[in-house]
Amino acid sequence: MFDLARWFAAELDAAPDFELAVDPQANIVCFRYVPEHEADLDALQLEIRDRIVSTGAFYLVRTRLHDRIYLRTTIINPRTDTTDLHALMRAIRDAADRSAH
């Protein structure tokens, strides 16, 4: 799971619309969705989290780091793979597209 978390962090870091909070030291990855021209990124993270969790497809929590709101996922299920994490990134983008921002 640690290796998968590091892989996911690298995918997020390489994507222009995501921001990695810190390099993961374990199976927890903290990140933000940062589309262009978004004024209130903290509010957007909260909206994304609510939308994602309400679908039941993924579970994310929120955390505050560096005085900003970040999304956080813990990779714990041994059946999780890279396909699942790419699907999470797509779900986050879709949830942001449906937001009022």
PDB file of N, CA and C in Angstrom:
ATOM      1  N   MET A   1       0.813  -1.189   0.000  1.00  0.00           N
ATOM      2  CA  MET A   1       0.000   0.000   0.000  1.00  0.00           C
ATOM      3  C   MET A   1       0.866   1.266   0.000  1.00  0.00           C
ATOM      4  N   PHE A   2       2.026   1.187   0.652  1.00  0.00           N
ATOM      5  CA  PHE A   2       2.914   2.354   0.663  1.00  0.00           C
ATOM      6  C   PHE A   2       3.397   2.672  -0.748  1.00  0.00           C
ATOM      7  N   ASP A   3       3.768   1.649  -1.487  1.00  0.00           N
ATOM      8  CA  ASP A   3       4.218   1.863  -2.865  1.00  0.00           C
ATOM      9  C   ASP A   3       3.103   2.431  -3.730  1.00  0.00           C
ATOM     10  N   LEU A   4       1.890   1.947  -3.541  1.00  0.00           N
ATOM     11  CA  LEU A   4       0.756   2.453  -4.315  1.00  0.00           C
ATOM     12  C   LEU A   4       0.468   3.908  -3.950  1.00  0.00           C
ATOM     13  N   ALA A   5       0.597   4.254  -2.689  1.00  0.00           N
ATOM     14  CA  ALA A   5       0.412   5.652  -2.272  1.00  0.00           C
ATOM     15  C   ALA A   5       1.464   6.544  -2.925  1.00  0.00           C
ATOM     16  N   ARG A   6       2.696   6.086  -2.972  1.00  0.00           N
ATOM     17  CA  ARG A   6       3.747   6.872  -3.634  1.00  0.00           C
ATOM     18  C   ARG A   6       3.476   6.989  -5.133  1.00  0.00           C
ATOM     19  N   TRP A   7       2.981   5.917  -5.745  1.00  0.00           N
ATOM     20  CA  TRP A   7       2.626   5.971  -7.170  1.00  0.00           C
ATOM     21  C   TRP A   7       1.510   6.991  -7.390  1.00  0.00           C
ATOM     22  N   PHE A   8       0.473   6.951  -6.551  1.00  0.00           N
ATOM     23  CA  PHE A   8      -0.647   7.874  -6.684  1.00  0.00           C
ATOM     24  C   PHE A   8      -0.176   9.313  -6.493  1.00  0.00           C
ATOM     25  N   ALA A   9       0.675   9.543  -5.527  1.00  0.00           N
ATOM     26  CA  ALA A   9       1.215  10.884  -5.297  1.00  0.00           C
ATOM     27  C   ALA A   9       1.950  11.388  -6.538  1.00  0.00           C
ATOM     28  N   ALA A  10       2.714  10.528  -7.176  1.00  0.00           N
ATOM     29  CA  ALA A  10       3.428  10.922  -8.400  1.00  0.00           C
ATOM     30  C   ALA A  10       2.446  11.250  -9.525  1.00  0.00           C
ATOM     31  N   GLU A  11       1.366  10.487  -9.636  1.00  0.00           N
ATOM     32  CA  GLU A  11       0.338  10.770 -10.650  1.00  0.00           C
ATOM     33  C   GLU A  11      -0.321  12.126 -10.388  1.00  0.00           C
ATOM     34  N   LEU A  12      -0.652  12.392  -9.140  1.00  0.00           N
ATOM     35  CA  LEU A  12      -1.262  13.672  -8.777  1.00  0.00           C
ATOM     36  C   LEU A  12      -0.294  14.824  -9.047  1.00  0.00           C
ATOM     37  N   ASP A  13       0.955  14.637  -8.669  1.00  0.00           N
ATOM     38  CA  ASP A  13       1.957  15.681  -8.842  1.00  0.00           C
ATOM     39  C   ASP A  13       2.196  15.987 -10.321  1.00  0.00           C
ATOM     40  N   ALA A  14       2.078  14.983 -11.172  1.00  0.00           N
ATOM     41  CA  ALA A  14       2.294  15.173 -12.612  1.00  0.00           C
ATOM     42  C   ALA A  14       1.096  15.811 -13.301  1.00  0.00           C
ATOM     43  N   ALA A  15      -0.074  15.738 -12.696  1.00  0.00           N
ATOM     44  CA  ALA A  15      -1.294  16.292 -13.296  1.00  0.00           C
ATOM     45  C   ALA A  15      -1.341  17.802 -13.049  1.00  0.00           C
ATOM     46  N   PRO A  16      -1.597  18.597 -14.081  1.00  0.00           N
ATOM     47  CA  PRO A  16      -1.596  20.050 -13.892  1.00  0.00           C
ATOM     48  C   PRO A  16      -2.749  20.575 -13.038  1.00  0.00           C
ATOM     49  N   ASP A  17      -3.782  19.777 -12.845  1.00  0.00           N
ATOM     50  CA  ASP A  17      -4.949  20.239 -12.089  1.00  0.00           C
ATOM     51  C   ASP A  17      -5.038  19.632 -10.687  1.00  0.00           C
ATOM     52  N   PHE A  18      -3.946  19.064 -10.202  1.00  0.00           N
ATOM     53  CA  PHE A  18      -3.877  18.562  -8.828  1.00  0.00           C
ATOM     54  C   PHE A  18      -2.624  19.108  -8.171  1.00  0.00           C
ATOM     55  N   GLU A  19      -2.688  19.220  -6.844  1.00  0.00           N
ATOM     56  CA  GLU A  19      -1.562  19.705  -6.055  1.00  0.00           C
ATOM     57  C   GLU A  19      -1.347  18.733  -4.902  1.00  0.00           C
ATOM     58  N   LEU A  20      -0.170  18.222  -4.794  1.00  0.00           N
ATOM     59  CA  LEU A  20       0.179  17.304  -3.713  1.00  0.00           C
ATOM     60  C   LEU A  20       0.597  18.124  -2.498  1.00  0.00           C
ATOM     61  N   ALA A  21       0.076  17.776  -1.320  1.00  0.00           N
ATOM     62  CA  ALA A  21       0.421  18.519  -0.101  1.00  0.00           C
ATOM     63  C   ALA A  21       1.846  18.202   0.342  1.00  0.00           C
ATOM     64  N   VAL A  22       2.136  16.934   0.477  1.00  0.00           N
ATOM     65  CA  VAL A  22       3.461  16.449   0.898  1.00  0.00           C
ATOM     66  C   VAL A  22       3.664  15.077   0.272  1.00  0.00           C
ATOM     67  N   ASP A  23       4.905  14.669   0.152  1.00  0.00           N
ATOM     68  CA  ASP A  23       5.168  13.306  -0.301  1.00  0.00           C
ATOM     69  C   ASP A  23       4.714  12.341   0.788  1.00  0.00           C
ATOM     70  N   PRO A  24       3.947  11.330   0.414  1.00  0.00           N
ATOM     71  CA  PRO A  24       3.449  10.403   1.439  1.00  0.00           C
ATOM     72  C   PRO A  24       4.577   9.589   2.065  1.00  0.00           C
ATOM     73  N   GLN A  25       4.482   9.411   3.368  1.00  0.00           N
ATOM     74  CA  GLN A  25       5.446   8.596   4.106  1.00  0.00           C
ATOM     75  C   GLN A  25       4.858   7.223   4.442  1.00  0.00           C
ATOM     76  N   ALA A  26       3.589   7.047   4.133  1.00  0.00           N
ATOM     77  CA  ALA A  26       2.894   5.788   4.411  1.00  0.00           C
ATOM     78  C   ALA A  26       1.809   5.623   3.338  1.00  0.00           C
ATOM     79  N   ASN A  27       0.634   5.173   3.744  1.00  0.00           N
ATOM     80  CA  ASN A  27      -0.443   4.896   2.794  1.00  0.00           C
ATOM     81  C   ASN A  27      -1.476   6.024   2.727  1.00  0.00           C
ATOM     82  N   ILE A  28      -1.162   7.193   3.250  1.00  0.00           N
ATOM     83  CA  ILE A  28      -2.069   8.340   3.246  1.00  0.00           C
ATOM     84  C   ILE A  28      -1.551   9.373   2.251  1.00  0.00           C
ATOM     85  N   VAL A  29      -2.466   9.841   1.376  1.00  0.00           N
ATOM     86  CA  VAL A  29      -2.097  10.828   0.365  1.00  0.00           C
ATOM     87  C   VAL A  29      -3.000  12.045   0.527  1.00  0.00           C
ATOM     88  N   CYS A  30      -2.393  13.214   0.697  1.00  0.00           N
ATOM     89  CA  CYS A  30      -3.124  14.478   0.838  1.00  0.00           C
ATOM     90  C   CYS A  30      -2.884  15.322  -0.407  1.00  0.00           C
ATOM     91  N   PHE A  31      -3.966  15.859  -0.948  1.00  0.00           N
ATOM     92  CA  PHE A  31      -3.865  16.581  -2.208  1.00  0.00           C
ATOM     93  C   PHE A  31      -5.045  17.524  -2.359  1.00  0.00           C
ATOM     94  N   ARG A  32      -4.970  18.398  -3.358  1.00  0.00           N
ATOM     95  CA  ARG A  32      -6.063  19.316  -3.690  1.00  0.00           C
ATOM     96  C   ARG A  32      -6.302  19.269  -5.186  1.00  0.00           C
ATOM     97  N   TYR A  33      -7.537  19.517  -5.550  1.00  0.00           N
ATOM     98  CA  TYR A  33      -7.872  19.718  -6.951  1.00  0.00           C
ATOM     99  C   TYR A  33      -7.771  21.212  -7.203  1.00  0.00           C
ATOM    100  N   VAL A  34      -6.981  21.617  -8.193  1.00  0.00           N
ATOM    101  CA  VAL A  34      -6.706  23.034  -8.423  1.00  0.00           C
ATOM    102  C   VAL A  34      -6.908  23.406  -9.900  1.00  0.00           C
ATOM    103  N   PRO A  35      -8.157  23.486 -10.322  1.00  0.00           N
ATOM    104  CA  PRO A  35      -8.397  23.871 -11.718  1.00  0.00           C
ATOM    105  C   PRO A  35      -8.037  25.345 -11.931  1.00  0.00           C
ATOM    106  N   GLU A  36      -7.789  25.691 -13.169  1.00  0.00           N
ATOM    107  CA  GLU A  36      -7.501  27.089 -13.499  1.00  0.00           C
ATOM    108  C   GLU A  36      -8.701  27.965 -13.175  1.00  0.00           C
ATOM    109  N   HIS A  37      -8.421  29.177 -12.785  1.00  0.00           N
ATOM    110  CA  HIS A  37      -9.440  30.212 -12.588  1.00  0.00           C
ATOM    111  C   HIS A  37     -10.424  29.885 -11.466  1.00  0.00           C
ATOM    112  N   GLU A  38      -9.981  29.156 -10.462  1.00  0.00           N
ATOM    113  CA  GLU A  38     -10.841  28.881  -9.300  1.00  0.00           C
ATOM    114  C   GLU A  38     -10.442  29.812  -8.170  1.00  0.00           C
ATOM    115  N   ALA A  39     -11.378  30.620  -7.717  1.00  0.00           N
ATOM    116  CA  ALA A  39     -11.076  31.626  -6.702  1.00  0.00           C
ATOM    117  C   ALA A  39     -11.013  31.043  -5.291  1.00  0.00           C
ATOM    118  N   ASP A  40     -11.931  30.147  -4.943  1.00  0.00           N
ATOM    119  CA  ASP A  40     -12.008  29.630  -3.576  1.00  0.00           C
ATOM    120  C   ASP A  40     -11.713  28.125  -3.571  1.00  0.00           C
ATOM    121  N   LEU A  41     -10.444  27.814  -3.552  1.00  0.00           N
ATOM    122  CA  LEU A  41     -10.034  26.407  -3.618  1.00  0.00           C
ATOM    123  C   LEU A  41     -10.451  25.620  -2.382  1.00  0.00           C
ATOM    124  N   ASP A  42     -10.458  26.250  -1.213  1.00  0.00           N
ATOM    125  CA  ASP A  42     -10.877  25.537  -0.006  1.00  0.00           C
ATOM    126  C   ASP A  42     -12.338  25.105  -0.109  1.00  0.00           C
ATOM    127  N   ALA A  43     -13.200  26.009  -0.529  1.00  0.00           N
ATOM    128  CA  ALA A  43     -14.621  25.666  -0.680  1.00  0.00           C
ATOM    129  C   ALA A  43     -14.800  24.579  -1.726  1.00  0.00           C
ATOM    130  N   LEU A  44     -14.021  24.637  -2.788  1.00  0.00           N
ATOM    131  CA  LEU A  44     -14.131  23.614  -3.832  1.00  0.00           C
ATOM    132  C   LEU A  44     -13.778  22.230  -3.281  1.00  0.00           C
ATOM    133  N   GLN A  45     -12.743  22.142  -2.453  1.00  0.00           N
ATOM    134  CA  GLN A  45     -12.361  20.832  -1.891  1.00  0.00           C
ATOM    135  C   GLN A  45     -13.503  20.258  -1.060  1.00  0.00           C
ATOM    136  N   LEU A  46     -14.151  21.121  -0.282  1.00  0.00           N
ATOM    137  CA  LEU A  46     -15.268  20.666   0.551  1.00  0.00           C
ATOM    138  C   LEU A  46     -16.430  20.180  -0.308  1.00  0.00           C
ATOM    139  N   GLU A  47     -16.729  20.902  -1.372  1.00  0.00           N
ATOM    140  CA  GLU A  47     -17.808  20.485  -2.278  1.00  0.00           C
ATOM    141  C   GLU A  47     -17.470  19.163  -2.963  1.00  0.00           C
ATOM    142  N   ILE A  48     -16.247  19.047  -3.427  1.00  0.00           N
ATOM    143  CA  ILE A  48     -15.819  17.800  -4.079  1.00  0.00           C
ATOM    144  C   ILE A  48     -15.967  16.640  -3.116  1.00  0.00           C
ATOM    145  N   ARG A  49     -15.482  16.798  -1.904  1.00  0.00           N
ATOM    146  CA  ARG A  49     -15.566  15.719  -0.919  1.00  0.00           C
ATOM    147  C   ARG A  49     -17.012  15.304  -0.689  1.00  0.00           C
ATOM    148  N   ASP A  50     -17.887  16.270  -0.481  1.00  0.00           N
ATOM    149  CA  ASP A  50     -19.299  15.952  -0.250  1.00  0.00           C
ATOM    150  C   ASP A  50     -19.902  15.205  -1.426  1.00  0.00           C
ATOM    151  N   ARG A  51     -19.610  15.645  -2.620  1.00  0.00           N
ATOM    152  CA  ARG A  51     -20.161  14.984  -3.815  1.00  0.00           C
ATOM    153  C   ARG A  51     -19.634  13.556  -3.961  1.00  0.00           C
ATOM    154  N   ILE A  52     -18.341  13.381  -3.764  1.00  0.00           N
ATOM    155  CA  ILE A  52     -17.717  12.056  -3.908  1.00  0.00           C
ATOM    156  C   ILE A  52     -18.279  11.091  -2.862  1.00  0.00           C
ATOM    157  N   VAL A  53     -18.302  11.525  -1.617  1.00  0.00           N
ATOM    158  CA  VAL A  53     -18.760  10.647  -0.536  1.00  0.00           C
ATOM    159  C   VAL A  53     -20.237  10.301  -0.721  1.00  0.00           C
ATOM    160  N   SER A  54     -21.038  11.245  -1.194  1.00  0.00           N
ATOM    161  CA  SER A  54     -22.477  10.975  -1.359  1.00  0.00           C
ATOM    162  C   SER A  54     -22.754   9.915  -2.422  1.00  0.00           C
ATOM    163  N   THR A  55     -21.837   9.718  -3.352  1.00  0.00           N
ATOM    164  CA  THR A  55     -22.037   8.679  -4.368  1.00  0.00           C
ATOM    165  C   THR A  55     -21.750   7.287  -3.813  1.00  0.00           C
ATOM    166  N   GLY A  56     -20.915   7.217  -2.781  1.00  0.00           N
ATOM    167  CA  GLY A  56     -20.539   5.927  -2.217  1.00  0.00           C
ATOM    168  C   GLY A  56     -19.452   5.209  -3.002  1.00  0.00           C
ATOM    169  N   ALA A  57     -18.985   5.811  -4.088  1.00  0.00           N
ATOM    170  CA  ALA A  57     -17.967   5.154  -4.916  1.00  0.00           C
ATOM    171  C   ALA A  57     -16.575   5.228  -4.285  1.00  0.00           C
ATOM    172  N   PHE A  58     -16.309   6.326  -3.587  1.00  0.00           N
ATOM    173  CA  PHE A  58     -15.004   6.532  -2.945  1.00  0.00           C
ATOM    174  C   PHE A  58     -15.245   7.193  -1.602  1.00  0.00           C
ATOM    175  N   TYR A  59     -14.254   7.073  -0.732  1.00  0.00           N
ATOM    176  CA  TYR A  59     -14.340   7.776   0.535  1.00  0.00           C
ATOM    177  C   TYR A  59     -13.107   8.656   0.685  1.00  0.00           C
ATOM    178  N   LEU A  60     -13.344   9.932   0.886  1.00  0.00           N
ATOM    179  CA  LEU A  60     -12.286  10.909   1.113  1.00  0.00           C
ATOM    180  C   LEU A  60     -12.582  11.637   2.413  1.00  0.00           C
ATOM    181  N   VAL A  61     -11.549  12.053   3.086  1.00  0.00           N
ATOM    182  CA  VAL A  61     -11.731  12.946   4.214  1.00  0.00           C
ATOM    183  C   VAL A  61     -11.060  14.262   3.857  1.00  0.00           C
ATOM    184  N   ARG A  62     -11.292  15.251   4.681  1.00  0.00           N
ATOM    185  CA  ARG A  62     -10.626  16.535   4.458  1.00  0.00           C
ATOM    186  C   ARG A  62      -9.701  16.788   5.626  1.00  0.00           C
ATOM    187  N   THR A  63      -8.691  17.559   5.350  1.00  0.00           N
ATOM    188  CA  THR A  63      -7.752  17.926   6.400  1.00  0.00           C
ATOM    189  C   THR A  63      -7.237  19.331   6.113  1.00  0.00           C
ATOM    190  N   ARG A  64      -6.701  19.952   7.114  1.00  0.00           N
ATOM    191  CA  ARG A  64      -6.129  21.290   6.948  1.00  0.00           C
ATOM    192  C   ARG A  64      -4.613  21.181   7.124  1.00  0.00           C
ATOM    193  N   LEU A  65      -3.906  21.591   6.094  1.00  0.00           N
ATOM    194  CA  LEU A  65      -2.447  21.638   6.119  1.00  0.00           C
ATOM    195  C   LEU A  65      -2.014  22.978   5.545  1.00  0.00           C
ATOM    196  N   HIS A  66      -0.991  23.553   6.127  1.00  0.00           N
ATOM    197  CA  HIS A  66      -0.475  24.832   5.611  1.00  0.00           C
ATOM    198  C   HIS A  66      -1.605  25.859   5.483  1.00  0.00           C
ATOM    199  N   ASP A  67      -2.579  25.789   6.388  1.00  0.00           N
ATOM    200  CA  ASP A  67      -3.720  26.704   6.432  1.00  0.00           C
ATOM    201  C   ASP A  67      -4.607  26.610   5.183  1.00  0.00           C
ATOM    202  N   ARG A  68      -4.644  25.441   4.562  1.00  0.00           N
ATOM    203  CA  ARG A  68      -5.494  25.191   3.401  1.00  0.00           C
ATOM    204  C   ARG A  68      -6.225  23.863   3.590  1.00  0.00           C
ATOM    205  N   ILE A  69      -7.369  23.742   2.931  1.00  0.00           N
ATOM    206  CA  ILE A  69      -8.129  22.488   2.959  1.00  0.00           C
ATOM    207  C   ILE A  69      -7.591  21.547   1.876  1.00  0.00           C
ATOM    208  N   TYR A  70      -7.320  20.318   2.267  1.00  0.00           N
ATOM    209  CA  TYR A  70      -6.859  19.277   1.348  1.00  0.00           C
ATOM    210  C   TYR A  70      -7.783  18.075   1.450  1.00  0.00           C
ATOM    211  N   LEU A  71      -7.846  17.330   0.380  1.00  0.00           N
ATOM    212  CA  LEU A  71      -8.511  16.029   0.380  1.00  0.00           C
ATOM    213  C   LEU A  71      -7.483  14.996   0.831  1.00  0.00           C
ATOM    214  N   ARG A  72      -7.970  13.944   1.471  1.00  0.00           N
ATOM    215  CA  ARG A  72      -7.056  12.913   1.956  1.00  0.00           C
ATOM    216  C   ARG A  72      -7.658  11.546   1.707  1.00  0.00           C
ATOM    217  N   THR A  73      -6.852  10.663   1.155  1.00  0.00           N
ATOM    218  CA  THR A  73      -7.280   9.285   0.995  1.00  0.00           C
ATOM    219  C   THR A  73      -6.259   8.372   1.663  1.00  0.00           C
ATOM    220  N   THR A  74      -6.769   7.306   2.241  1.00  0.00           N
ATOM    221  CA  THR A  74      -5.921   6.292   2.858  1.00  0.00           C
ATOM    222  C   THR A  74      -6.076   5.025   2.032  1.00  0.00           C
ATOM    223  N   ILE A  75      -4.985   4.584   1.456  1.00  0.00           N
ATOM    224  CA  ILE A  75      -5.015   3.380   0.624  1.00  0.00           C
ATOM    225  C   ILE A  75      -4.759   2.196   1.540  1.00  0.00           C
ATOM    226  N   ILE A  76      -5.848   1.453   1.805  1.00  0.00           N
ATOM    227  CA  ILE A  76      -5.749   0.372   2.788  1.00  0.00           C
ATOM    228  C   ILE A  76      -6.266  -0.959   2.244  1.00  0.00           C
ATOM    229  N   ASN A  77      -7.193  -0.886   1.295  1.00  0.00           N
ATOM    230  CA  ASN A  77      -7.765  -2.106   0.740  1.00  0.00           C
ATOM    231  C   ASN A  77      -6.748  -2.760  -0.198  1.00  0.00           C
ATOM    232  N   PRO A  78      -6.369  -4.001   0.051  1.00  0.00           N
ATOM    233  CA  PRO A  78      -5.363  -4.648  -0.797  1.00  0.00           C
ATOM    234  C   PRO A  78      -5.833  -4.863  -2.237  1.00  0.00           C
ATOM    235  N   ARG A  79      -7.129  -4.701  -2.492  1.00  0.00           N
ATOM    236  CA  ARG A  79      -7.640  -4.855  -3.857  1.00  0.00           C
ATOM    237  C   ARG A  79      -7.576  -3.546  -4.651  1.00  0.00           C
ATOM    238  N   THR A  80      -7.226  -2.457  -3.995  1.00  0.00           N
ATOM    239  CA  THR A  80      -7.086  -1.173  -4.690  1.00  0.00           C
ATOM    240  C   THR A  80      -5.907  -1.257  -5.645  1.00  0.00           C
ATOM    241  N   ASP A  81      -6.118  -0.717  -6.852  1.00  0.00           N
ATOM    242  CA  ASP A  81      -5.038  -0.710  -7.829  1.00  0.00           C
ATOM    243  C   ASP A  81      -5.005   0.631  -8.565  1.00  0.00           C
ATOM    244  N   THR A  82      -4.110   0.747  -9.518  1.00  0.00           N
ATOM    245  CA  THR A  82      -3.928   2.007 -10.240  1.00  0.00           C
ATOM    246  C   THR A  82      -5.187   2.413 -11.005  1.00  0.00           C
ATOM    247  N   THR A  83      -5.941   1.453 -11.477  1.00  0.00           N
ATOM    248  CA  THR A  83      -7.194   1.755 -12.183  1.00  0.00           C
ATOM    249  C   THR A  83      -8.168   2.458 -11.244  1.00  0.00           C
ATOM    250  N   ASP A  84      -8.257   1.993 -10.018  1.00  0.00           N
ATOM    251  CA  ASP A  84      -9.137   2.622  -9.026  1.00  0.00           C
ATOM    252  C   ASP A  84      -8.712   4.061  -8.751  1.00  0.00           C
ATOM    253  N   LEU A  85      -7.423   4.285  -8.648  1.00  0.00           N
ATOM    254  CA  LEU A  85      -6.942   5.620  -8.316  1.00  0.00           C
ATOM    255  C   LEU A  85      -7.098   6.585  -9.493  1.00  0.00           C
ATOM    256  N   HIS A  86      -6.941   6.089 -10.702  1.00  0.00           N
ATOM    257  CA  HIS A  86      -7.249   6.935 -11.870  1.00  0.00           C
ATOM    258  C   HIS A  86      -8.748   7.249 -11.895  1.00  0.00           C
ATOM    259  N   ALA A  87      -9.577   6.292 -11.527  1.00  0.00           N
ATOM    260  CA  ALA A  87     -11.031   6.531 -11.458  1.00  0.00           C
ATOM    261  C   ALA A  87     -11.352   7.582 -10.397  1.00  0.00           C
ATOM    262  N   LEU A  88     -10.634   7.573  -9.290  1.00  0.00           N
ATOM    263  CA  LEU A  88     -10.829   8.589  -8.264  1.00  0.00           C
ATOM    264  C   LEU A  88     -10.498   9.971  -8.819  1.00  0.00           C
ATOM    265  N   MET A  89      -9.409  10.084  -9.545  1.00  0.00           N
ATOM    266  CA  MET A  89      -9.049  11.374 -10.143  1.00  0.00           C
ATOM    267  C   MET A  89     -10.149  11.850 -11.101  1.00  0.00           C
ATOM    268  N   ARG A  90     -10.683  10.951 -11.906  1.00  0.00           N
ATOM    269  CA  ARG A  90     -11.782  11.312 -12.822  1.00  0.00           C
ATOM    270  C   ARG A  90     -13.018  11.734 -12.039  1.00  0.00           C
ATOM    271  N   ALA A  91     -13.325  11.011 -10.972  1.00  0.00           N
ATOM    272  CA  ALA A  91     -14.496  11.336 -10.156  1.00  0.00           C
ATOM    273  C   ALA A  91     -14.342  12.716  -9.526  1.00  0.00           C
ATOM    274  N   ILE A  92     -13.148  13.046  -9.107  1.00  0.00           N
ATOM    275  CA  ILE A  92     -12.900  14.367  -8.522  1.00  0.00           C
ATOM    276  C   ILE A  92     -13.104  15.447  -9.576  1.00  0.00           C
ATOM    277  N   ARG A  93     -12.575  15.234 -10.748  1.00  0.00           N
ATOM    278  CA  ARG A  93     -12.763  16.215 -11.830  1.00  0.00           C
ATOM    279  C   ARG A  93     -14.244  16.369 -12.167  1.00  0.00           C
ATOM    280  N   ASP A  94     -14.949  15.259 -12.245  1.00  0.00           N
ATOM    281  CA  ASP A  94     -16.393  15.310 -12.538  1.00  0.00           C
ATOM    282  C   ASP A  94     -17.155  16.044 -11.445  1.00  0.00           C
ATOM    283  N   ALA A  95     -16.817  15.769 -10.186  1.00  0.00           N
ATOM    284  CA  ALA A  95     -17.488  16.434  -9.077  1.00  0.00           C
ATOM    285  C   ALA A  95     -17.229  17.938  -9.108  1.00  0.00           C
ATOM    286  N   ALA A  96     -16.037  18.324  -9.459  1.00  0.00           N
ATOM    287  CA  ALA A  96     -15.711  19.759  -9.552  1.00  0.00           C
ATOM    288  C   ALA A  96     -16.470  20.410 -10.697  1.00  0.00           C
ATOM    289  N   ASP A  97     -16.623  19.700 -11.807  1.00  0.00           N
ATOM    290  CA  ASP A  97     -17.352  20.242 -12.952  1.00  0.00           C
ATOM    291  C   ASP A  97     -18.823  20.494 -12.601  1.00  0.00           C
ATOM    292  N   ARG A  98     -19.365  19.717 -11.664  1.00  0.00           N
ATOM    293  CA  ARG A  98     -20.761  19.870 -11.265  1.00  0.00           C
ATOM    294  C   ARG A  98     -20.952  20.901 -10.160  1.00  0.00           C
ATOM    295  N   SER A  99     -19.839  21.447  -9.660  1.00  0.00           N
ATOM    296  CA  SER A  99     -19.959  22.411  -8.565  1.00  0.00           C
ATOM    297  C   SER A  99     -20.394  23.777  -9.095  1.00  0.00           C
ATOM    298  N   ALA A 100     -20.786  24.615  -8.178  1.00  0.00           N
ATOM    299  CA  ALA A 100     -21.259  25.960  -8.528  1.00  0.00           C
ATOM    300  C   ALA A 100     -20.109  26.912  -8.828  1.00  0.00           C
ATOM    301  N   HIS A 101     -18.895  26.494  -8.589  1.00  0.00           N
ATOM    302  CA  HIS A 101     -17.726  27.389  -8.789  1.00  0.00           C
ATOM    303  C   HIS A 101     -17.406  27.526 -10.249  1.00  0.00           C
TER     304      HIS A 101
END
